[in-house]
């Protein structure tokens, strides 16, 4: 998903281990109901950054923006928690929406 956010021009690298939200990205996140405020220079790395997922061995979106996106995807029913674990599963609705909105394809 992080790659798709970058490929669609919603996030771009900004400094060391941080992302900036582009104008198009701000509009996309806000259509999902996630307000995006420009972070202060002190908190920018905590706002949107890559974090290596130990199971996938690929980075995911971490920081305040990553948490907000995860919570919103839960509210929208795009992901669902897997009982007894920290893992989540992508729902059918989530697959449909991510394909439509981010052109993200699944095997």
Protein backbone atom coordinates (compact mmCIF):
# COMPACT_ATOMS: atom_id res chain seq x y z
CA UNK A 1 0.00 0.00 0.00
CA UNK A 2 2.88 2.36 0.75
CA UNK A 3 4.21 1.84 -2.77
CA UNK A 4 0.75 2.62 -4.19
CA UNK A 5 0.48 5.81 -2.16
CA UNK A 6 3.81 6.93 -3.61
CA UNK A 7 3.02 5.73 -7.16
CA UNK A 8 -0.23 7.71 -7.12
CA UNK A 9 1.66 10.82 -6.02
CA UNK A 10 0.09 11.05 -2.58
CA UNK A 11 3.31 10.70 -0.59
CA UNK A 12 6.85 11.70 -1.47
CA UNK A 13 10.15 11.25 0.37
CA UNK A 14 10.98 14.20 2.59
CA UNK A 15 14.27 14.26 4.38
CA UNK A 16 15.68 11.33 6.27
CA UNK A 17 13.14 8.54 6.83
CA UNK A 18 10.04 10.67 6.43
CA UNK A 19 7.30 11.34 3.89
CA UNK A 20 5.52 14.53 2.91
CA UNK A 21 1.89 14.46 1.87
CA UNK A 22 1.42 16.08 -1.53
CA UNK A 23 -1.51 18.32 -2.40
CA UNK A 24 -3.14 15.38 -4.22
CA UNK A 25 -2.43 13.21 -1.19
CA UNK A 26 -4.03 15.71 1.16
CA UNK A 27 -7.16 15.68 -1.00
CA UNK A 28 -7.21 11.84 -1.11
CA UNK A 29 -6.77 11.42 2.64
CA UNK A 30 -9.39 14.06 3.34
CA UNK A 31 -11.94 12.34 1.06
CA UNK A 32 -11.49 9.32 3.33
CA UNK A 33 -12.21 11.50 6.34
CA UNK A 34 -8.59 11.82 7.48
CA UNK A 35 -7.67 15.47 8.03
CA UNK A 36 -4.07 16.24 7.11
CA UNK A 37 -2.40 19.14 8.85
CA UNK A 38 1.10 20.23 7.98
CA UNK A 39 3.35 18.83 10.72
CA UNK A 40 5.91 21.01 12.43
CA UNK A 41 9.53 20.43 11.44
CA UNK A 42 10.10 18.78 14.83
CA UNK A 43 7.30 16.26 14.40
CA UNK A 44 7.54 15.60 10.64
CA UNK A 45 9.34 12.27 11.04
CA UNK A 46 6.67 11.14 13.51
CA UNK A 47 3.86 12.19 11.17
CA UNK A 48 4.54 9.93 8.17
CA UNK A 49 7.49 7.57 7.95
CA UNK A 50 8.36 4.13 6.64
CA UNK A 51 8.63 1.24 9.09
CA UNK A 52 9.85 -2.22 8.13
CA UNK A 53 7.12 -4.83 8.55
CA UNK A 54 8.91 -7.85 10.00
CA UNK A 55 6.49 -10.36 8.46
CA UNK A 56 6.47 -8.92 4.93
CA UNK A 57 10.03 -7.54 5.01
CA UNK A 58 8.70 -4.42 3.30
CA UNK A 59 8.03 -0.98 4.72
CA UNK A 60 4.55 0.15 5.66
CA UNK A 61 3.29 3.65 6.50
CA UNK A 62 3.94 4.43 10.14
CA UNK A 63 3.56 7.53 12.25
CA UNK A 64 0.47 9.59 13.02
CA UNK A 65 -0.76 9.39 9.42
CA UNK A 66 -0.31 5.61 9.28
CA UNK A 67 -2.29 5.17 12.50
CA UNK A 68 -5.05 7.47 11.23
CA UNK A 69 -5.27 5.54 7.97
CA UNK A 70 -5.41 2.20 9.79
CA UNK A 71 -8.18 3.41 12.13
CA UNK A 72 -10.20 4.81 9.24
CA UNK A 73 -9.84 1.58 7.26
CA UNK A 74 -11.19 -0.27 10.31
CA UNK A 75 -14.15 2.12 10.55
CA UNK A 76 -14.88 1.72 6.83
CA UNK A 77 -14.72 -2.05 7.06
CA UNK A 78 -11.76 -2.30 4.70
CA UNK A 79 -9.71 -4.29 7.21
CA UNK A 80 -10.73 -6.52 10.09
CA UNK A 81 -8.66 -7.68 13.06
CA UNK A 82 -7.68 -11.33 13.32
CA UNK A 83 -8.64 -12.52 16.81
CA UNK A 84 -5.79 -13.23 19.18
CA UNK A 85 -3.16 -11.53 17.01
CA UNK A 86 -1.95 -8.09 16.03
CA UNK A 87 -2.65 -8.96 12.39
CA UNK A 88 -5.52 -7.71 10.27
CA UNK A 89 -7.06 -9.07 7.11
CA UNK A 90 -8.14 -7.11 4.11
CA UNK A 91 -11.86 -7.49 3.53
CA UNK A 92 -13.57 -7.92 0.16
CA UNK A 93 -14.81 -4.34 0.44
CA UNK A 94 -11.26 -3.18 1.23
CA UNK A 95 -9.88 -4.96 -1.83
CA UNK A 96 -12.53 -3.34 -4.03
CA UNK A 97 -11.86 0.14 -2.67
CA UNK A 98 -8.07 -0.12 -2.82
CA UNK A 99 -8.27 -1.34 -6.40
CA UNK A 100 -10.60 1.53 -7.31
CA UNK A 101 -8.81 4.26 -5.38
CA UNK A 102 -5.13 3.26 -5.55
CA UNK A 103 -5.10 0.80 -8.46
CA UNK A 104 -3.78 -1.73 -5.94
CA UNK A 105 -4.11 -5.27 -7.27
CA UNK A 106 -4.19 -8.48 -5.26
CA UNK A 107 -3.25 -12.01 -6.23
